Amino acid sequence: MKRLYIAGHRGMVGSALVREATHRGGYHILTATRSALDLCEQSAVFDFLESTKPDIVIIAAAKVGGIHANSTYPADFIYENLTIATNLIEGSRRAGIPRALFLGSSCIYPKSAPQPMPEECLLTSPLEPSNEAYAIAKIAGLKLCQHYRAQHGLLYHSAMPTNLYGPGDNYHPENSHVIPALIRRFHEATQCAASSVTIWGTGTPRREFLHTDDLARACFHLLDLDNPPDWVNVGTGNDLTILELANLVAKTTGFKGKILTDPTKPDGTPRKLLDISKIKSTGWQPTVPFLEGLAAAYQDFKTSLTTGAARL
């Protein structure tokens, strides 16, 4: 039985990884809450990895947020994410851990990247300014794994997922990503019979969305490969406009009013669609239909409101 440490196991992605590892079997899952282990404290991380000696580390812990949070707190985003990555990757090397999987983000690619974005376009032109700090931290983690693999012979590699959604998401009104933000706003608008909901920006940017359960399956698929790519995109290969997304969320939540746009708010990158041909060539593909996943995410939100577990 392999000893598997999942950093960030309480987050949306981490909890999906725990579910998938449990479903697959064959893993002794190691976890540590933030109160028990601060991943920004280097000595504590090094000691934890040395004492627990996992066979595999999955780095799903991160400080994350939407366009507002990234623009408002760039120093926090670059510092915390850089520190988490360096502590866990170097700590894994020092503890003699042979395999690690680092989770990044599609925002690592340039603002003017070709669409869909292949792995090879990394660092070919400037990043989107609104999430540059987060992207730089994720690029650093990816490059750490790549260079540790080359220099130390350790099988450290990375997965770059597109925009994620699923159970356990963060529904904070300002610091959440677009799907949970829209779910909460349209749900509350429905509850109070609001006549309209206004979304940020023009509604024209195109985005791709992947269910966290699909990402979790992709991660374990990559861990099953003897020679995975240094980094690989994980997405669906399909996208839609933010306004189209808003209409789908409105329908899912039962909202009957008007949807307005606010062009004074930033749009971010015009389009972010991943080229997933590389991971598909290894035998993986997504399985959760978007409308089905969106309905399940809304149901999870309503259930979490009832139980008091919602991250608001």
C-alpha atoms as a PDB file:
ATOM      1  CA  MET A   1       0.000   0.000   0.000  1.00  0.00           C
ATOM      2  CA  LYS A   2       1.460   3.361  -1.062  1.00  0.00           C
ATOM      3  CA  ARG A   3       1.677   6.187   1.420  1.00  0.00           C
ATOM      4  CA  LEU A   4       0.118   9.266  -0.192  1.00  0.00           C
ATOM      5  CA  TYR A   5       0.284  12.764   1.262  1.00  0.00           C
ATOM      6  CA  ILE A   6      -2.312  15.167  -0.152  1.00  0.00           C
ATOM      7  CA  ALA A   7      -1.425  18.761   0.703  1.00  0.00           C
ATOM      8  CA  GLY A   8      -4.578  20.854   0.823  1.00  0.00           C
ATOM      9  CA  HIS A   9      -6.927  17.918   1.416  1.00  0.00           C
ATOM     10  CA  ARG A  10      -9.764  20.099   2.744  1.00  0.00           C
ATOM     11  CA  GLY A  11      -9.990  22.279  -0.356  1.00  0.00           C
ATOM     12  CA  MET A  12     -12.196  21.628  -3.346  1.00  0.00           C
ATOM     13  CA  VAL A  13      -9.410  19.911  -5.295  1.00  0.00           C
ATOM     14  CA  GLY A  14      -7.870  18.168  -2.313  1.00  0.00           C
ATOM     15  CA  SER A  15     -11.165  16.682  -1.197  1.00  0.00           C
ATOM     16  CA  ALA A  16     -11.745  15.368  -4.729  1.00  0.00           C
ATOM     17  CA  LEU A  17      -8.295  13.732  -4.611  1.00  0.00           C
ATOM     18  CA  VAL A  18      -9.138  12.111  -1.277  1.00  0.00           C
ATOM     19  CA  ARG A  19     -12.391  10.771  -2.714  1.00  0.00           C
ATOM     20  CA  GLU A  20     -10.631   9.354  -5.774  1.00  0.00           C
ATOM     21  CA  ALA A  21      -7.796   7.792  -3.761  1.00  0.00           C
ATOM     22  CA  THR A  22     -10.320   6.179  -1.422  1.00  0.00           C
ATOM     23  CA  HIS A  23     -12.359   4.911  -4.364  1.00  0.00           C
ATOM     24  CA  ARG A  24      -9.305   3.411  -6.056  1.00  0.00           C
ATOM     25  CA  GLY A  25      -7.892   1.798  -2.935  1.00  0.00           C
ATOM     26  CA  GLY A  26      -4.270   0.845  -2.434  1.00  0.00           C
ATOM     27  CA  TYR A  27      -3.356   4.100  -0.715  1.00  0.00           C
ATOM     28  CA  HIS A  28      -2.676   4.999   2.894  1.00  0.00           C
ATOM     29  CA  ILE A  29      -3.761   8.655   2.796  1.00  0.00           C
ATOM     30  CA  LEU A  30      -1.800  11.136   4.889  1.00  0.00           C
ATOM     31  CA  THR A  31      -3.249  14.566   5.652  1.00  0.00           C
ATOM     32  CA  ALA A  32      -2.609  17.484   7.973  1.00  0.00           C
ATOM     33  CA  THR A  33      -4.904  20.404   8.720  1.00  0.00           C
ATOM     34  CA  ARG A  34      -3.630  23.978   8.531  1.00  0.00           C
ATOM     35  CA  SER A  35      -3.691  24.234  12.320  1.00  0.00           C
ATOM     36  CA  ALA A  36      -1.495  21.141  12.560  1.00  0.00           C
ATOM     37  CA  LEU A  37       0.883  22.058   9.722  1.00  0.00           C
ATOM     38  CA  ASP A  38       1.445  25.541   8.306  1.00  0.00           C
ATOM     39  CA  LEU A  39       2.763  24.922   4.795  1.00  0.00           C
ATOM     40  CA  CYS A  40       4.445  28.336   4.827  1.00  0.00           C
ATOM     41  CA  GLU A  41       6.663  27.263   7.746  1.00  0.00           C
ATOM     42  CA  GLN A  42       9.660  25.590   6.130  1.00  0.00           C
ATOM     43  CA  SER A  43      11.041  23.704   9.132  1.00  0.00           C
ATOM     44  CA  ALA A  44       7.606  22.335  10.035  1.00  0.00           C
ATOM     45  CA  VAL A  45       7.054  21.089   6.471  1.00  0.00           C
ATOM     46  CA  PHE A  46      10.507  19.503   6.291  1.00  0.00           C
ATOM     47  CA  ASP A  47       9.988  17.768   9.646  1.00  0.00           C
ATOM     48  CA  PHE A  48       6.534  16.498   8.656  1.00  0.00           C
ATOM     49  CA  LEU A  49       7.746  14.965   5.398  1.00  0.00           C
ATOM     50  CA  GLU A  50      10.798  13.437   7.055  1.00  0.00           C
ATOM     51  CA  SER A  51       8.718  11.865   9.823  1.00  0.00           C
ATOM     52  CA  THR A  52       5.834  10.587   7.688  1.00  0.00           C
ATOM     53  CA  LYS A  53       7.904   9.437   4.666  1.00  0.00           C
ATOM     54  CA  PRO A  54       5.143   9.305   2.036  1.00  0.00           C
ATOM     55  CA  ASP A  55       5.806   7.521  -1.255  1.00  0.00           C
ATOM     56  CA  ILE A  56       3.906  10.201  -3.192  1.00  0.00           C
ATOM     57  CA  VAL A  57       3.122  13.860  -2.521  1.00  0.00           C
ATOM     58  CA  ILE A  58       0.335  15.684  -4.353  1.00  0.00           C
ATOM     59  CA  ILE A  59       0.563  19.449  -3.966  1.00  0.00           C
ATOM     60  CA  ALA A  60      -3.029  20.667  -4.171  1.00  0.00           C
ATOM     61  CA  ALA A  61      -2.657  23.326  -1.476  1.00  0.00           C
ATOM     62  CA  ALA A  62      -2.766  26.897  -2.744  1.00  0.00           C
ATOM     63  CA  LYS A  63      -4.087  30.358  -2.061  1.00  0.00           C
ATOM     64  CA  VAL A  64      -6.693  30.802  -4.787  1.00  0.00           C
ATOM     65  CA  GLY A  65      -9.291  33.365  -5.820  1.00  0.00           C
ATOM     66  CA  GLY A  66     -11.006  35.044  -8.726  1.00  0.00           C
ATOM     67  CA  ILE A  67     -10.043  38.133 -10.699  1.00  0.00           C
ATOM     68  CA  HIS A  68     -10.965  40.531  -7.850  1.00  0.00           C
ATOM     69  CA  ALA A  69      -8.889  38.682  -5.251  1.00  0.00           C
ATOM     70  CA  ASN A  70      -5.916  38.280  -7.587  1.00  0.00           C
ATOM     71  CA  SER A  71      -5.946  41.984  -8.431  1.00  0.00           C
ATOM     72  CA  THR A  72      -6.398  43.122  -4.825  1.00  0.00           C
ATOM     73  CA  TYR A  73      -3.928  40.858  -3.019  1.00  0.00           C
ATOM     74  CA  PRO A  74      -1.088  40.103  -5.490  1.00  0.00           C
ATOM     75  CA  ALA A  75       1.630  40.099  -2.817  1.00  0.00           C
ATOM     76  CA  ASP A  76      -0.274  37.531  -0.754  1.00  0.00           C
ATOM     77  CA  PHE A  77      -0.838  35.335  -3.792  1.00  0.00           C
ATOM     78  CA  ILE A  78       2.769  35.284  -4.974  1.00  0.00           C
ATOM     79  CA  TYR A  79       4.297  34.884  -1.499  1.00  0.00           C
ATOM     80  CA  GLU A  80       2.041  32.145  -0.151  1.00  0.00           C
ATOM     81  CA  ASN A  81       1.985  30.084  -3.341  1.00  0.00           C
ATOM     82  CA  LEU A  82       5.739  30.368  -3.884  1.00  0.00           C
ATOM     83  CA  THR A  83       6.390  29.382  -0.291  1.00  0.00           C
ATOM     84  CA  ILE A  84       4.050  26.391  -0.371  1.00  0.00           C
ATOM     85  CA  ALA A  85       5.630  25.120  -3.592  1.00  0.00           C
ATOM     86  CA  THR A  86       9.251  25.527  -2.512  1.00  0.00           C
ATOM     87  CA  ASN A  87       8.688  24.078   0.962  1.00  0.00           C
ATOM     88  CA  LEU A  88       6.890  20.967  -0.287  1.00  0.00           C
ATOM     89  CA  ILE A  89       9.098  20.266  -3.302  1.00  0.00           C
ATOM     90  CA  GLU A  90      12.433  20.806  -1.534  1.00  0.00           C
ATOM     91  CA  GLY A  91      11.078  19.090   1.570  1.00  0.00           C
ATOM     92  CA  SER A  92      10.120  16.079  -0.535  1.00  0.00           C
ATOM     93  CA  ARG A  93      13.631  15.929  -2.014  1.00  0.00           C
ATOM     94  CA  ARG A  94      15.261  16.103   1.403  1.00  0.00           C
ATOM     95  CA  ALA A  95      13.003  13.352   2.735  1.00  0.00           C
ATOM     96  CA  GLY A  96      13.858  11.101  -0.216  1.00  0.00           C
ATOM     97  CA  ILE A  97      10.308  11.049  -1.573  1.00  0.00           C
ATOM     98  CA  PRO A  98      10.530   9.587  -5.095  1.00  0.00           C
ATOM     99  CA  ARG A  99       7.380  11.051  -6.641  1.00  0.00           C
ATOM    100  CA  ALA A 100       5.488  14.334  -6.455  1.00  0.00           C
ATOM    101  CA  LEU A 101       2.689  15.874  -8.499  1.00  0.00           C
ATOM    102  CA  PHE A 102       2.343  19.652  -8.444  1.00  0.00           C
ATOM    103  CA  LEU A 103      -0.973  21.231  -9.456  1.00  0.00           C
ATOM    104  CA  GLY A 104      -0.793  24.522 -11.305  1.00  0.00           C
ATOM    105  CA  SER A 105      -3.296  26.452 -13.366  1.00  0.00           C
ATOM    106  CA  SER A 106      -4.071  27.430 -16.948  1.00  0.00           C
ATOM    107  CA  CYS A 107      -3.289  31.047 -15.984  1.00  0.00           C
ATOM    108  CA  ILE A 108       0.424  30.225 -16.362  1.00  0.00           C
ATOM    109  CA  TYR A 109       0.106  30.778 -20.098  1.00  0.00           C
ATOM    110  CA  PRO A 110       0.539  34.173 -21.816  1.00  0.00           C
ATOM    111  CA  LYS A 111      -2.392  36.525 -22.272  1.00  0.00           C
ATOM    112  CA  SER A 112      -1.859  36.396 -26.044  1.00  0.00           C
ATOM    113  CA  ALA A 113      -1.261  32.641 -26.201  1.00  0.00           C
ATOM    114  CA  PRO A 114      -2.574  30.752 -29.233  1.00  0.00           C
ATOM    115  CA  GLN A 115      -5.975  29.140 -28.698  1.00  0.00           C
ATOM    116  CA  PRO A 116      -6.243  26.409 -27.664  1.00  0.00           C
ATOM    117  CA  MET A 117      -3.090  26.802 -25.556  1.00  0.00           C
ATOM    118  CA  PRO A 118      -0.413  24.109 -25.941  1.00  0.00           C
ATOM    119  CA  GLU A 119       2.115  23.375 -23.203  1.00  0.00           C
ATOM    120  CA  GLU A 120       4.871  24.737 -25.435  1.00  0.00           C
ATOM    121  CA  CYS A 121       3.553  28.318 -25.330  1.00  0.00           C
ATOM    122  CA  LEU A 122       4.686  28.746 -21.709  1.00  0.00           C
ATOM    123  CA  LEU A 123       6.857  31.857 -21.219  1.00  0.00           C
ATOM    124  CA  THR A 124       6.598  32.959 -24.856  1.00  0.00           C
ATOM    125  CA  SER A 125       5.012  36.368 -24.093  1.00  0.00           C
ATOM    126  CA  PRO A 126       3.642  38.452 -21.147  1.00  0.00           C
ATOM    127  CA  LEU A 127       1.084  37.121 -18.679  1.00  0.00           C
ATOM    128  CA  GLU A 128      -2.398  38.498 -17.988  1.00  0.00           C
ATOM    129  CA  PRO A 129      -1.690  41.388 -15.534  1.00  0.00           C
ATOM    130  CA  SER A 130      -4.678  40.694 -13.260  1.00  0.00           C
ATOM    131  CA  ASN A 131      -3.356  37.279 -12.178  1.00  0.00           C
ATOM    132  CA  GLU A 132       0.369  37.668 -12.878  1.00  0.00           C
ATOM    133  CA  ALA A 133       1.410  37.127  -9.240  1.00  0.00           C
ATOM    134  CA  TYR A 134      -0.447  33.824  -8.920  1.00  0.00           C
ATOM    135  CA  ALA A 135       0.756  32.683 -12.343  1.00  0.00           C
ATOM    136  CA  ILE A 136       4.413  33.382 -11.555  1.00  0.00           C
ATOM    137  CA  ALA A 137       4.185  31.319  -8.372  1.00  0.00           C
ATOM    138  CA  LYS A 138       2.632  28.421 -10.271  1.00  0.00           C
ATOM    139  CA  ILE A 139       5.240  28.653 -13.045  1.00  0.00           C
ATOM    140  CA  ALA A 140       7.949  28.528 -10.391  1.00  0.00           C
ATOM    141  CA  GLY A 141       6.447  25.334  -8.918  1.00  0.00           C
ATOM    142  CA  LEU A 142       6.243  23.752 -12.353  1.00  0.00           C
ATOM    143  CA  LYS A 143       9.859  24.667 -13.104  1.00  0.00           C
ATOM    144  CA  LEU A 144      11.034  23.416  -9.713  1.00  0.00           C
ATOM    145  CA  CYS A 145       9.565  20.004 -10.515  1.00  0.00           C
ATOM    146  CA  GLN A 146      11.042  20.014 -14.020  1.00  0.00           C
ATOM    147  CA  HIS A 147      14.538  20.899 -12.843  1.00  0.00           C
ATOM    148  CA  TYR A 148      14.491  18.630  -9.770  1.00  0.00           C
ATOM    149  CA  ARG A 149      13.542  15.796 -12.100  1.00  0.00           C
ATOM    150  CA  ALA A 150      16.427  16.616 -14.446  1.00  0.00           C
ATOM    151  CA  GLN A 151      19.066  17.240 -11.770  1.00  0.00           C
ATOM    152  CA  HIS A 152      18.088  14.821  -9.015  1.00  0.00           C
ATOM    153  CA  GLY A 153      16.396  12.044 -10.993  1.00  0.00           C
ATOM    154  CA  LEU A 154      13.178  12.383  -8.983  1.00  0.00           C
ATOM    155  CA  LEU A 155       9.847  11.817 -10.714  1.00  0.00           C
ATOM    156  CA  TYR A 156       8.410  15.231  -9.911  1.00  0.00           C
ATOM    157  CA  HIS A 157       5.922  16.486 -12.505  1.00  0.00           C
ATOM    158  CA  SER A 158       2.971  18.842 -12.865  1.00  0.00           C
ATOM    159  CA  ALA A 159      -0.616  19.096 -14.074  1.00  0.00           C
ATOM    160  CA  MET A 160      -2.104  22.382 -15.287  1.00  0.00           C
ATOM    161  CA  PRO A 161      -5.890  22.284 -14.898  1.00  0.00           C
ATOM    162  CA  THR A 162      -8.277  24.724 -16.493  1.00  0.00           C
ATOM    163  CA  ASN A 163     -10.924  26.576 -14.438  1.00  0.00           C
ATOM    164  CA  LEU A 164     -12.333  24.160 -11.871  1.00  0.00           C
ATOM    165  CA  TYR A 165     -15.702  23.732 -10.194  1.00  0.00           C
ATOM    166  CA  GLY A 166     -17.391  21.137  -8.031  1.00  0.00           C
ATOM    167  CA  PRO A 167     -18.445  20.261  -4.475  1.00  0.00           C
ATOM    168  CA  GLY A 168     -16.767  22.135  -1.643  1.00  0.00           C
ATOM    169  CA  ASP A 169     -16.091  25.284  -3.672  1.00  0.00           C
ATOM    170  CA  ASN A 170     -15.522  28.723  -2.148  1.00  0.00           C
ATOM    171  CA  TYR A 171     -18.608  30.950  -2.460  1.00  0.00           C
ATOM    172  CA  HIS A 172     -17.165  34.168  -1.025  1.00  0.00           C
ATOM    173  CA  PRO A 173     -18.867  37.134  -2.768  1.00  0.00           C
ATOM    174  CA  GLU A 174     -15.556  38.816  -3.694  1.00  0.00           C
ATOM    175  CA  ASN A 175     -12.799  36.197  -3.544  1.00  0.00           C
ATOM    176  CA  SER A 176     -14.409  33.235  -5.323  1.00  0.00           C
ATOM    177  CA  HIS A 177     -14.037  31.996  -8.891  1.00  0.00           C
ATOM    178  CA  VAL A 178     -16.670  32.685 -11.525  1.00  0.00           C
ATOM    179  CA  ILE A 179     -18.907  29.582 -11.242  1.00  0.00           C
ATOM    180  CA  PRO A 180     -19.338  29.630  -7.437  1.00  0.00           C
ATOM    181  CA  ALA A 181     -19.716  33.425  -7.537  1.00  0.00           C
ATOM    182  CA  LEU A 182     -22.506  33.138 -10.102  1.00  0.00           C
ATOM    183  CA  ILE A 183     -24.176  30.240  -8.297  1.00  0.00           C
ATOM    184  CA  ARG A 184     -24.376  32.254  -5.098  1.00  0.00           C
ATOM    185  CA  ARG A 185     -25.543  35.461  -6.783  1.00  0.00           C
ATOM    186  CA  PHE A 186     -28.233  33.813  -8.876  1.00  0.00           C
ATOM    187  CA  HIS A 187     -29.407  31.682  -5.938  1.00  0.00           C
ATOM    188  CA  GLU A 188     -29.749  34.766  -3.729  1.00  0.00           C
ATOM    189  CA  ALA A 189     -31.434  36.681  -6.557  1.00  0.00           C
ATOM    190  CA  THR A 190     -33.921  33.842  -6.965  1.00  0.00           C
ATOM    191  CA  GLN A 191     -34.608  33.724  -3.237  1.00  0.00           C
ATOM    192  CA  CYS A 192     -35.444  37.431  -3.092  1.00  0.00           C
ATOM    193  CA  ALA A 193     -37.166  37.526  -6.514  1.00  0.00           C
ATOM    194  CA  ALA A 194     -34.716  40.112  -7.861  1.00  0.00           C
ATOM    195  CA  SER A 195     -35.530  41.532 -11.278  1.00  0.00           C
ATOM    196  CA  SER A 196     -31.947  41.403 -12.542  1.00  0.00           C
ATOM    197  CA  VAL A 197     -28.409  40.215 -11.873  1.00  0.00           C
ATOM    198  CA  THR A 198     -25.360  42.136 -13.104  1.00  0.00           C
ATOM    199  CA  ILE A 199     -22.224  40.216 -14.040  1.00  0.00           C
ATOM    200  CA  TRP A 200     -18.687  41.604 -14.201  1.00  0.00           C
ATOM    201  CA  GLY A 201     -17.302  42.767 -17.545  1.00  0.00           C
ATOM    202  CA  THR A 202     -18.769  42.510 -21.005  1.00  0.00           C
ATOM    203  CA  GLY A 203     -19.652  38.816 -20.773  1.00  0.00           C
ATOM    204  CA  THR A 204     -17.668  38.095 -23.956  1.00  0.00           C
ATOM    205  CA  PRO A 205     -14.525  36.359 -22.580  1.00  0.00           C
ATOM    206  CA  ARG A 206     -14.521  32.619 -23.198  1.00  0.00           C
ATOM    207  CA  ARG A 207     -13.673  30.142 -20.455  1.00  0.00           C
ATOM    208  CA  GLU A 208     -13.272  26.388 -20.129  1.00  0.00           C
ATOM    209  CA  PHE A 209     -14.462  24.506 -17.020  1.00  0.00           C
ATOM    210  CA  LEU A 210     -13.480  21.130 -15.580  1.00  0.00           C
ATOM    211  CA  HIS A 211     -15.172  19.244 -12.762  1.00  0.00           C
ATOM    212  CA  THR A 212     -12.843  18.488  -9.854  1.00  0.00           C
ATOM    213  CA  ASP A 213     -13.677  14.777 -10.011  1.00  0.00           C
ATOM    214  CA  ASP A 214     -12.351  14.729 -13.583  1.00  0.00           C
ATOM    215  CA  LEU A 215      -9.180  16.483 -12.422  1.00  0.00           C
ATOM    216  CA  ALA A 216      -8.733  13.955  -9.614  1.00  0.00           C
ATOM    217  CA  ARG A 217      -9.029  11.078 -12.067  1.00  0.00           C
ATOM    218  CA  ALA A 218      -6.509  12.799 -14.340  1.00  0.00           C
ATOM    219  CA  CYS A 219      -4.044  13.154 -11.452  1.00  0.00           C
ATOM    220  CA  PHE A 220      -4.117   9.463 -10.600  1.00  0.00           C
ATOM    221  CA  HIS A 221      -3.930   8.603 -14.277  1.00  0.00           C
ATOM    222  CA  LEU A 222      -0.706  10.629 -14.466  1.00  0.00           C
ATOM    223  CA  LEU A 223       0.633   8.960 -11.332  1.00  0.00           C
ATOM    224  CA  ASP A 224       0.083   5.597 -13.004  1.00  0.00           C
ATOM    225  CA  LEU A 225       2.361   6.585 -15.913  1.00  0.00           C
ATOM    226  CA  ASP A 226       5.999   5.546 -15.738  1.00  0.00           C
ATOM    227  CA  ASN A 227       7.172   8.521 -17.797  1.00  0.00           C
ATOM    228  CA  PRO A 228       4.644  11.379 -17.602  1.00  0.00           C
ATOM    229  CA  PRO A 229       5.278  14.766 -19.243  1.00  0.00           C
ATOM    230  CA  ASP A 230       7.050  17.385 -17.115  1.00  0.00           C
ATOM    231  CA  TRP A 231       3.790  19.302 -17.214  1.00  0.00           C
ATOM    232  CA  VAL A 232       0.544  18.601 -18.971  1.00  0.00           C
ATOM    233  CA  ASN A 233      -2.723  20.453 -19.524  1.00  0.00           C
ATOM    234  CA  VAL A 234      -5.921  19.055 -18.011  1.00  0.00           C
ATOM    235  CA  GLY A 235      -9.210  20.379 -19.368  1.00  0.00           C
ATOM    236  CA  THR A 236     -12.195  19.538 -21.541  1.00  0.00           C
ATOM    237  CA  GLY A 237     -11.223  21.119 -24.855  1.00  0.00           C
ATOM    238  CA  ASN A 238     -14.502  23.115 -24.883  1.00  0.00           C
ATOM    239  CA  ASP A 239     -15.346  26.636 -23.751  1.00  0.00           C
ATOM    240  CA  LEU A 240     -18.213  29.132 -23.587  1.00  0.00           C
ATOM    241  CA  THR A 241     -18.646  32.857 -22.995  1.00  0.00           C
ATOM    242  CA  ILE A 242     -19.182  34.234 -19.499  1.00  0.00           C
ATOM    243  CA  LEU A 243     -22.616  35.473 -20.578  1.00  0.00           C
ATOM    244  CA  GLU A 244     -23.500  31.980 -21.844  1.00  0.00           C
ATOM    245  CA  LEU A 245     -22.300  30.603 -18.511  1.00  0.00           C
ATOM    246  CA  ALA A 246     -24.436  33.125 -16.622  1.00  0.00           C
ATOM    247  CA  ASN A 247     -27.502  32.046 -18.581  1.00  0.00           C
ATOM    248  CA  LEU A 248     -26.824  28.382 -17.743  1.00  0.00           C
ATOM    249  CA  VAL A 249     -26.392  29.183 -14.050  1.00  0.00           C
ATOM    250  CA  ALA A 250     -29.588  31.245 -14.123  1.00  0.00           C
ATOM    251  CA  LYS A 251     -31.474  28.307 -15.628  1.00  0.00           C
ATOM    252  CA  THR A 252     -29.945  25.881 -13.119  1.00  0.00           C
ATOM    253  CA  THR A 253     -30.929  28.047 -10.142  1.00  0.00           C
ATOM    254  CA  GLY A 254     -34.370  28.921 -11.516  1.00  0.00           C
ATOM    255  CA  PHE A 255     -33.663  32.642 -11.918  1.00  0.00           C
ATOM    256  CA  LYS A 256     -36.214  34.318 -14.237  1.00  0.00           C
ATOM    257  CA  GLY A 257     -34.983  37.923 -14.297  1.00  0.00           C
ATOM    258  CA  LYS A 258     -32.675  39.827 -16.618  1.00  0.00           C
ATOM    259  CA  ILE A 259     -28.910  39.346 -16.855  1.00  0.00           C
ATOM    260  CA  LEU A 260     -26.993  42.607 -17.219  1.00  0.00           C
ATOM    261  CA  THR A 261     -23.302  43.207 -17.898  1.00  0.00           C
ATOM    262  CA  ASP A 262     -20.978  45.806 -16.355  1.00  0.00           C
ATOM    263  CA  PRO A 263     -18.283  46.767 -18.894  1.00  0.00           C
ATOM    264  CA  THR A 264     -16.587  49.022 -16.303  1.00  0.00           C
ATOM    265  CA  LYS A 265     -15.328  45.858 -14.560  1.00  0.00           C
ATOM    266  CA  PRO A 266     -12.318  43.965 -15.990  1.00  0.00           C
ATOM    267  CA  ASP A 267     -12.785  41.042 -18.355  1.00  0.00           C
ATOM    268  CA  GLY A 268      -9.379  39.433 -17.864  1.00  0.00           C
ATOM    269  CA  THR A 269      -7.921  37.290 -20.619  1.00  0.00           C
ATOM    270  CA  PRO A 270     -10.177  37.235 -23.715  1.00  0.00           C
ATOM    271  CA  ARG A 271      -9.986  33.458 -24.057  1.00  0.00           C
ATOM    272  CA  LYS A 272      -8.437  30.597 -22.070  1.00  0.00           C
ATOM    273  CA  LEU A 273      -8.869  27.223 -23.738  1.00  0.00           C
ATOM    274  CA  LEU A 274      -6.359  24.447 -23.156  1.00  0.00           C
ATOM    275  CA  ASP A 275      -4.961  22.150 -25.802  1.00  0.00           C
ATOM    276  CA  ILE A 276      -5.474  18.761 -24.131  1.00  0.00           C
ATOM    277  CA  SER A 277      -4.135  16.603 -26.947  1.00  0.00           C
ATOM    278  CA  LYS A 278      -1.068  15.611 -24.913  1.00  0.00           C
ATOM    279  CA  ILE A 279      -2.947  14.109 -21.952  1.00  0.00           C
ATOM    280  CA  LYS A 280      -5.563  12.565 -24.254  1.00  0.00           C
ATOM    281  CA  SER A 281      -2.733  10.788 -26.075  1.00  0.00           C
ATOM    282  CA  THR A 282      -1.904   9.042 -22.789  1.00  0.00           C
ATOM    283  CA  GLY A 283      -5.423   7.611 -22.542  1.00  0.00           C
ATOM    284  CA  TRP A 284      -7.289  10.120 -20.327  1.00  0.00           C
ATOM    285  CA  GLN A 285     -10.344  12.185 -21.193  1.00  0.00           C
ATOM    286  CA  PRO A 286     -12.971  14.056 -19.135  1.00  0.00           C
ATOM    287  CA  THR A 287     -16.229  12.291 -18.309  1.00  0.00           C
ATOM    288  CA  VAL A 288     -18.485  14.758 -16.430  1.00  0.00           C
ATOM    289  CA  PRO A 289     -20.938  16.593 -18.756  1.00  0.00           C
ATOM    290  CA  PHE A 290     -20.947  20.297 -17.914  1.00  0.00           C
ATOM    291  CA  LEU A 291     -24.687  20.728 -17.330  1.00  0.00           C
ATOM    292  CA  GLU A 292     -24.732  17.651 -15.103  1.00  0.00           C
ATOM    293  CA  GLY A 293     -21.733  18.902 -13.150  1.00  0.00           C
ATOM    294  CA  LEU A 294     -23.225  22.383 -12.803  1.00  0.00           C
ATOM    295  CA  ALA A 295     -26.493  20.999 -11.434  1.00  0.00           C
ATOM    296  CA  ALA A 296     -24.579  18.853  -8.944  1.00  0.00           C
ATOM    297  CA  ALA A 297     -22.479  21.857  -7.873  1.00  0.00           C
ATOM    298  CA  TYR A 298     -25.635  23.887  -7.224  1.00  0.00           C
ATOM    299  CA  GLN A 299     -27.151  21.044  -5.226  1.00  0.00           C
ATOM    300  CA  ASP A 300     -23.950  20.831  -3.171  1.00  0.00           C
ATOM    301  CA  PHE A 301     -24.154  24.583  -2.530  1.00  0.00           C
ATOM    302  CA  LYS A 302     -27.740  24.320  -1.284  1.00  0.00           C
ATOM    303  CA  THR A 303     -26.882  21.330   0.891  1.00  0.00           C
ATOM    304  CA  SER A 304     -23.883  23.122   2.369  1.00  0.00           C
ATOM    305  CA  LEU A 305     -26.104  26.101   3.219  1.00  0.00           C
ATOM    306  CA  THR A 306     -28.438  23.781   5.082  1.00  0.00           C
ATOM    307  CA  THR A 307     -25.666  22.031   6.992  1.00  0.00           C
ATOM    308  CA  GLY A 308     -23.672  25.203   7.659  1.00  0.00           C
ATOM    309  CA  ALA A 309     -20.653  23.870   5.788  1.00  0.00           C
ATOM    310  CA  ALA A 310     -20.758  26.433   2.967  1.00  0.00           C
ATOM    311  CA  ARG A 311     -17.552  28.418   2.479  1.00  0.00           C
ATOM    312  CA  LEU A 312     -19.059  31.894   2.355  1.00  0.00           C
END
